[in-house]
N, C-alpha and C. Protein backbone atom coordinates (compact mmCIF):
# COMPACT_ATOMS: atom_id res chain seq x y z
N MET A 1 0.71 -1.40 0.01
CA MET A 1 0.01 -0.18 0.14
C MET A 1 0.84 1.26 -0.25
N GLU A 2 0.34 2.29 -0.98
CA GLU A 2 1.24 3.61 -0.84
C GLU A 2 1.26 4.23 0.44
N ASN A 3 2.19 4.54 0.80
CA ASN A 3 2.03 5.99 1.97
C ASN A 3 1.28 7.05 1.72
N LEU A 4 0.27 7.59 2.15
CA LEU A 4 -1.05 8.34 2.13
C LEU A 4 -0.18 9.38 2.66
N ASP A 5 0.61 9.50 3.30
CA ASP A 5 1.02 10.97 4.11
C ASP A 5 2.14 11.99 2.83
N PHE A 6 2.76 10.76 1.97
CA PHE A 6 3.33 11.75 0.75
C PHE A 6 2.38 12.38 0.20
N GLN A 7 3.46 13.66 -0.32
CA GLN A 7 2.63 14.43 -1.22
C GLN A 7 3.35 14.89 -1.82
N PRO A 8 2.78 14.55 -2.97
CA PRO A 8 3.89 14.95 -4.30
C PRO A 8 4.10 16.64 -4.51
N SER A 9 4.96 16.99 -5.13
CA SER A 9 5.38 18.77 -4.70
C SER A 9 4.64 19.49 -5.42
N ILE A 10 3.55 18.92 -6.61
CA ILE A 10 2.40 19.54 -7.05
C ILE A 10 1.76 19.94 -6.17
N VAL A 11 1.12 18.93 -5.10
CA VAL A 11 -0.19 19.09 -3.82
C VAL A 11 0.53 20.73 -3.42
N HIS A 12 1.67 20.72 -2.96
CA HIS A 12 2.66 21.95 -2.64
C HIS A 12 2.61 23.45 -3.20
N LYS A 13 2.19 23.03 -4.34
CA LYS A 13 2.03 24.18 -5.46
C LYS A 13 0.56 24.44 -5.47
N ILE A 14 0.23 23.74 -5.74
CA ILE A 14 -1.57 23.71 -5.55
C ILE A 14 -1.97 24.56 -4.24
N TYR A 15 -1.63 24.17 -3.66
CA TYR A 15 -1.80 24.64 -2.12
C TYR A 15 -1.51 25.98 -1.92
N ASP A 16 -0.18 26.08 -2.33
CA ASP A 16 0.39 28.14 -2.04
C ASP A 16 -0.57 28.73 -2.95
N PHE A 17 -0.85 28.07 -4.18
CA PHE A 17 -1.51 28.77 -5.18
C PHE A 17 -2.74 29.53 -4.84
N TYR A 18 -3.41 28.75 -4.37
CA TYR A 18 -4.59 28.96 -3.67
C TYR A 18 -4.59 29.51 -2.45
N LYS A 19 -3.68 29.70 -1.47
CA LYS A 19 -3.67 30.94 -0.56
C LYS A 19 -3.61 31.87 -1.29
N GLU A 20 -2.33 32.25 -2.31
CA GLU A 20 -2.29 33.36 -2.49
C GLU A 20 -3.32 33.99 -3.50
N MET A 21 -3.99 33.27 -4.38
CA MET A 21 -5.49 33.33 -4.69
C MET A 21 -6.46 33.81 -4.15
N HIS A 22 -6.63 33.10 -2.93
CA HIS A 22 -8.05 33.55 -2.17
C HIS A 22 -7.06 35.22 -1.53
N LYS A 23 -6.10 35.27 -1.61
CA LYS A 23 -5.65 37.24 -1.15
C LYS A 23 -6.29 37.92 -2.10
N LYS A 24 -5.93 37.09 -3.23
CA LYS A 24 -6.56 38.49 -4.32
C LYS A 24 -7.71 38.30 -4.84
N ILE A 25 -8.40 37.15 -4.24
CA ILE A 25 -9.70 37.12 -4.58
C ILE A 25 -10.74 38.02 -3.66
N GLU A 26 -10.10 38.52 -1.94
CA GLU A 26 -10.68 39.23 -1.59
C GLU A 26 -10.56 40.46 -1.50
N LYS A 27 -9.66 40.68 -2.67
CA LYS A 27 -9.92 42.09 -3.30
C LYS A 27 -11.00 42.27 -4.41
N PHE A 28 -11.41 41.60 -4.90
CA PHE A 28 -11.99 41.56 -6.01
C PHE A 28 -13.03 42.60 -5.66
N PRO A 29 -13.84 43.19 -6.46
CA PRO A 29 -14.66 44.02 -6.11
C PRO A 29 -16.40 43.26 -5.98
N LYS A 30 -17.16 43.54 -5.34
CA LYS A 30 -18.23 43.05 -4.40
C LYS A 30 -18.94 41.80 -5.36
N THR A 31 -19.50 42.53 -6.62
CA THR A 31 -19.85 41.71 -8.03
C THR A 31 -19.27 40.93 -8.57
N SER A 32 -17.65 41.12 -8.25
CA SER A 32 -17.21 39.46 -9.21
C SER A 32 -17.02 38.23 -8.40
N ARG A 33 -16.31 39.17 -6.57
CA ARG A 33 -16.23 38.35 -5.66
C ARG A 33 -16.74 36.99 -5.37
N TYR A 34 -18.42 36.98 -5.49
CA TYR A 34 -19.17 35.73 -5.19
C TYR A 34 -19.53 35.26 -6.50
N SER A 35 -19.10 35.62 -7.65
CA SER A 35 -18.84 34.90 -8.95
C SER A 35 -17.86 34.14 -9.10
N LEU A 36 -17.11 35.25 -10.19
CA LEU A 36 -16.07 34.97 -10.69
C LEU A 36 -14.89 34.56 -9.51
N GLY A 37 -15.01 34.81 -8.82
CA GLY A 37 -13.71 34.79 -7.28
C GLY A 37 -14.20 33.59 -7.18
N GLN A 38 -15.53 33.23 -6.99
CA GLN A 38 -16.00 31.82 -5.90
C GLN A 38 -15.64 30.88 -6.97
N LYS A 39 -15.83 30.90 -8.37
CA LYS A 39 -15.74 29.94 -9.37
C LYS A 39 -14.10 29.82 -9.11
N ILE A 40 -13.09 30.68 -9.11
CA ILE A 40 -11.76 30.43 -9.74
C ILE A 40 -11.29 29.37 -8.00
N GLU A 41 -11.75 30.06 -6.96
CA GLU A 41 -11.40 29.48 -5.62
C GLU A 41 -11.98 27.67 -5.74
N ASN A 42 -13.03 27.44 -6.09
CA ASN A 42 -13.90 26.29 -6.47
C ASN A 42 -13.01 25.37 -7.19
N THR A 43 -12.36 26.06 -8.38
CA THR A 43 -11.92 24.90 -9.19
C THR A 43 -10.73 24.95 -9.12
N ILE A 44 -10.11 25.75 -7.87
CA ILE A 44 -8.25 25.77 -7.41
C ILE A 44 -8.65 24.41 -6.64
N LEU A 45 -9.74 24.40 -5.84
CA LEU A 45 -10.06 23.39 -4.47
C LEU A 45 -10.44 22.04 -5.11
N ASP A 46 -11.03 22.14 -5.95
CA ASP A 46 -11.30 21.01 -7.11
C ASP A 46 -9.98 20.16 -8.11
N LEU A 47 -9.22 21.38 -8.08
CA LEU A 47 -8.05 20.50 -8.59
C LEU A 47 -6.98 19.85 -7.54
N LEU A 48 -6.88 20.50 -6.77
CA LEU A 48 -6.17 19.92 -5.59
C LEU A 48 -7.10 18.76 -4.79
N GLU A 49 -8.17 18.40 -5.25
CA GLU A 49 -8.68 17.42 -4.49
C GLU A 49 -8.46 16.42 -5.62
N THR A 50 -8.48 16.57 -6.60
CA THR A 50 -8.31 15.45 -7.88
C THR A 50 -6.69 15.30 -8.46
N ILE A 51 -6.15 16.32 -8.12
CA ILE A 51 -4.45 15.44 -7.70
C ILE A 51 -4.51 14.84 -6.77
N TYR A 52 -5.08 15.09 -5.42
CA TYR A 52 -5.08 14.03 -4.15
C TYR A 52 -5.17 12.94 -4.45
N LEU A 53 -6.61 12.61 -4.84
CA LEU A 53 -7.02 11.60 -5.56
C LEU A 53 -6.22 10.69 -6.16
N ALA A 54 -6.03 11.83 -7.33
CA ALA A 54 -4.96 10.71 -8.01
C ALA A 54 -3.46 9.81 -7.66
N ASN A 55 -3.30 10.76 -6.53
CA ASN A 55 -2.01 10.43 -6.07
C ASN A 55 -2.37 8.79 -5.11
N ILE A 56 -3.69 9.03 -4.96
CA ILE A 56 -3.77 7.72 -3.77
C ILE A 56 -4.32 6.65 -4.42
N GLN A 57 -4.59 6.79 -5.39
CA GLN A 57 -5.49 5.67 -6.31
C GLN A 57 -4.52 4.52 -7.09
N ILE A 58 -4.60 3.64 -7.70
CA ILE A 58 -3.61 2.53 -7.76
C ILE A 58 -2.74 3.10 -8.95
N LYS A 59 -2.07 2.60 -9.58
CA LYS A 59 -1.27 3.34 -11.02
C LYS A 59 -2.06 3.28 -12.21
N THR A 60 -2.47 2.15 -11.81
CA THR A 60 -3.34 1.48 -13.63
C THR A 60 -4.94 2.46 -13.72
N LEU A 61 -5.57 3.15 -12.59
CA LEU A 61 -6.83 3.66 -12.67
C LEU A 61 -6.22 5.03 -12.23
N ARG A 62 -4.94 5.69 -12.57
CA ARG A 62 -4.58 6.83 -12.03
C ARG A 62 -4.85 8.05 -13.85
N GLU A 63 -4.47 7.69 -14.61
CA GLU A 63 -4.07 8.13 -16.01
C GLU A 63 -5.56 9.50 -15.95
N PRO A 64 -6.37 8.57 -15.90
CA PRO A 64 -7.81 8.84 -16.03
C PRO A 64 -8.28 10.38 -15.46
N ILE A 65 -7.49 10.12 -13.81
CA ILE A 65 -7.98 10.91 -13.08
C ILE A 65 -6.97 12.63 -13.47
N LEU A 66 -5.68 11.90 -13.91
CA LEU A 66 -5.07 13.22 -13.94
C LEU A 66 -4.79 14.01 -15.34
N HIS A 67 -5.71 13.44 -16.27
CA HIS A 67 -6.77 14.30 -17.28
C HIS A 67 -7.63 14.80 -16.82
N LYS A 68 -8.21 14.49 -15.96
CA LYS A 68 -9.47 15.18 -15.49
C LYS A 68 -8.66 16.13 -14.74
N ALA A 69 -7.39 16.55 -13.77
CA ALA A 69 -6.62 17.57 -13.15
C ALA A 69 -6.57 18.06 -14.13
N SER A 70 -6.02 17.94 -15.05
CA SER A 70 -5.61 18.74 -16.38
C SER A 70 -6.39 19.64 -17.00
N ALA A 71 -7.85 19.05 -17.17
CA ALA A 71 -8.75 19.91 -17.73
C ALA A 71 -8.91 20.83 -16.54
N LYS A 72 -9.27 20.53 -15.30
CA LYS A 72 -8.88 21.85 -14.31
C LYS A 72 -8.20 22.78 -14.42
N CYS A 73 -7.01 22.36 -14.53
CA CYS A 73 -5.59 23.26 -14.82
C CYS A 73 -6.32 24.29 -15.62
N GLU A 74 -6.77 23.70 -16.65
CA GLU A 74 -6.87 24.36 -17.88
C GLU A 74 -7.57 25.71 -17.52
N LEU A 75 -8.80 25.05 -16.96
CA LEU A 75 -9.93 26.12 -16.57
C LEU A 75 -9.73 26.98 -15.45
N VAL A 76 -8.79 26.81 -15.35
CA VAL A 76 -8.05 27.97 -13.86
C VAL A 76 -7.73 29.05 -14.67
N LYS A 77 -6.61 28.30 -15.68
CA LYS A 77 -5.87 29.59 -16.86
C LYS A 77 -7.21 29.98 -17.42
N ILE A 78 -8.42 29.87 -17.87
CA ILE A 78 -8.89 30.56 -18.65
C ILE A 78 -9.58 31.80 -17.55
N LEU A 79 -10.29 31.00 -16.56
CA LEU A 79 -11.14 31.28 -15.40
C LEU A 79 -10.13 33.39 -15.08
N ILE A 80 -8.62 32.95 -14.59
CA ILE A 80 -7.87 33.72 -14.34
C ILE A 80 -7.80 35.03 -15.54
N ARG A 81 -7.41 34.49 -16.92
CA ARG A 81 -7.59 35.38 -17.73
C ARG A 81 -8.48 36.14 -17.92
N LEU A 82 -9.73 35.46 -18.00
CA LEU A 82 -10.99 36.19 -17.64
C LEU A 82 -11.24 37.26 -16.50
N ALA A 83 -10.83 37.11 -15.34
CA ALA A 83 -10.48 38.25 -13.96
C ALA A 83 -10.06 38.96 -14.80
N TYR A 84 -8.70 39.18 -15.43
CA TYR A 84 -7.68 40.01 -15.66
C TYR A 84 -8.37 40.52 -16.91
N ASP A 85 -9.07 40.38 -18.16
CA ASP A 85 -9.67 40.46 -19.01
C ASP A 85 -11.17 41.82 -18.91
N THR A 86 -11.43 41.11 -17.70
CA THR A 86 -12.52 41.92 -17.16
C THR A 86 -12.17 43.29 -16.30
N GLY A 87 -11.12 42.94 -16.00
CA GLY A 87 -10.54 44.06 -15.12
C GLY A 87 -10.58 43.45 -13.76
N VAL A 88 -11.00 42.51 -13.83
CA VAL A 88 -11.25 42.66 -11.88
C VAL A 88 -9.77 41.62 -11.25
N ILE A 89 -8.94 41.69 -11.93
CA ILE A 89 -7.54 41.44 -11.57
C ILE A 89 -6.58 42.64 -12.16
N GLY A 90 -6.71 43.90 -12.08
CA GLY A 90 -5.84 44.81 -12.74
C GLY A 90 -4.70 45.50 -13.05
N ASN A 91 -3.73 44.51 -11.59
CA ASN A 91 -2.49 44.74 -11.66
C ASN A 91 -1.97 43.43 -12.88
N THR A 92 -1.21 44.22 -13.80
CA THR A 92 -0.80 43.17 -14.62
C THR A 92 0.07 42.13 -14.22
N ASN A 93 1.06 42.70 -13.17
CA ASN A 93 2.12 41.56 -12.21
C ASN A 93 1.25 40.50 -11.73
N ALA A 94 0.06 41.04 -11.17
CA ALA A 94 -0.46 39.89 -10.61
C ALA A 94 -1.31 38.75 -11.01
N TYR A 95 -1.66 39.45 -12.58
CA TYR A 95 -1.77 38.25 -13.53
C TYR A 95 -0.76 37.54 -14.24
N ILE A 96 0.42 37.96 -14.75
CA ILE A 96 1.34 37.37 -15.13
C ILE A 96 2.15 36.26 -13.84
N SER A 97 2.11 36.78 -12.83
CA SER A 97 2.58 36.00 -12.46
C SER A 97 1.51 34.78 -11.64
N ALA A 98 0.20 34.78 -11.71
CA ALA A 98 -0.44 33.76 -11.54
C ALA A 98 -0.85 33.02 -12.47
N GLU A 99 -0.54 33.23 -14.17
CA GLU A 99 -0.69 32.57 -15.19
C GLU A 99 0.64 32.02 -14.89
N ALA A 100 1.82 32.21 -14.93
CA ALA A 100 3.20 31.65 -14.54
C ALA A 100 2.90 30.19 -13.35
N LYS A 101 2.51 31.00 -12.25
CA LYS A 101 2.36 29.46 -11.69
C LYS A 101 1.45 28.19 -12.24
N MET A 102 0.27 28.61 -12.62
CA MET A 102 -0.42 27.85 -12.98
C MET A 102 -0.11 26.72 -14.62
N GLN A 103 1.04 27.73 -14.88
CA GLN A 103 1.56 27.18 -16.08
C GLN A 103 2.55 26.35 -15.64
N GLU A 104 3.37 26.20 -14.63
CA GLU A 104 4.27 25.84 -13.89
C GLU A 104 3.63 24.44 -13.23
N ILE A 105 2.08 24.40 -12.65
CA ILE A 105 1.37 23.57 -12.46
C ILE A 105 1.16 22.38 -13.71
N GLY A 106 0.47 22.95 -14.90
CA GLY A 106 0.31 22.69 -15.78
C GLY A 106 1.29 21.81 -16.59
N LYS A 107 2.87 22.05 -16.32
CA LYS A 107 3.91 21.34 -16.67
C LYS A 107 4.12 20.21 -15.90
N MET A 108 4.17 20.29 -14.97
CA MET A 108 4.61 19.29 -13.56
C MET A 108 3.14 17.74 -13.61
N LEU A 109 1.96 18.39 -14.05
CA LEU A 109 0.72 17.53 -14.37
C LEU A 109 1.24 16.66 -15.48
N GLY A 110 1.25 17.86 -16.93
CA GLY A 110 1.61 16.99 -17.83
C GLY A 110 3.35 16.11 -17.69
N GLY A 111 4.21 16.30 -16.76
CA GLY A 111 5.07 15.46 -16.86
C GLY A 111 4.73 14.25 -15.63
N TRP A 112 3.52 14.34 -15.02
CA TRP A 112 3.32 13.28 -13.78
C TRP A 112 2.25 12.34 -15.11
N ILE A 113 1.48 13.25 -16.26
CA ILE A 113 0.76 12.11 -16.94
C ILE A 113 1.33 11.58 -17.93
N LYS A 114 2.74 11.96 -18.79
CA LYS A 114 3.55 11.52 -19.53
C LYS A 114 4.38 10.25 -18.78
N TYR A 115 4.99 10.54 -17.54
CA TYR A 115 5.06 9.67 -16.90
C TYR A 115 4.21 8.13 -16.58
N MET A 116 3.47 8.62 -16.49
CA MET A 116 2.16 7.23 -16.16
C MET A 116 2.33 6.70 -17.64
N ARG A 117 2.18 7.18 -18.61
CA ARG A 117 1.95 6.73 -20.31
C ARG A 117 3.09 5.59 -20.16
N ASN A 118 4.48 6.06 -19.99
CA ASN A 118 5.71 5.40 -20.22
C ASN A 118 5.38 3.99 -19.21
N ALA A 119 4.93 4.26 -17.82
CA ALA A 119 5.34 3.63 -16.68
C ALA A 119 4.46 2.53 -17.42
N SER A 120 3.08 2.12 -18.29
CA SER A 120 2.24 1.46 -18.54
C SER A 120 2.30 0.42 -19.51
């Protein structure tokens, strides 16, 4: 049985990203905080949950869960871009930082998927 206490670095990256985005979303205008902001937060939390579930799943069932996580990662990127394009994230540097962190998470996830394909 796998060690359930082990958490891959992608879990830590998503965890830290959520904390950072939570602080940014608190500064969203009220009209966007409870719609777009809440959707961003929930999608990041779903991504974190999906990655955790993939990590504890047996290897033969892991790849489909990782593909689901990849789709959630892409959705977070789209939602952050939408927040920027609608002026909710007005600071370009904040947008670029968030986008760069999601790109890194996406690359880590892509690497994990590639590893799973080569391992089977």
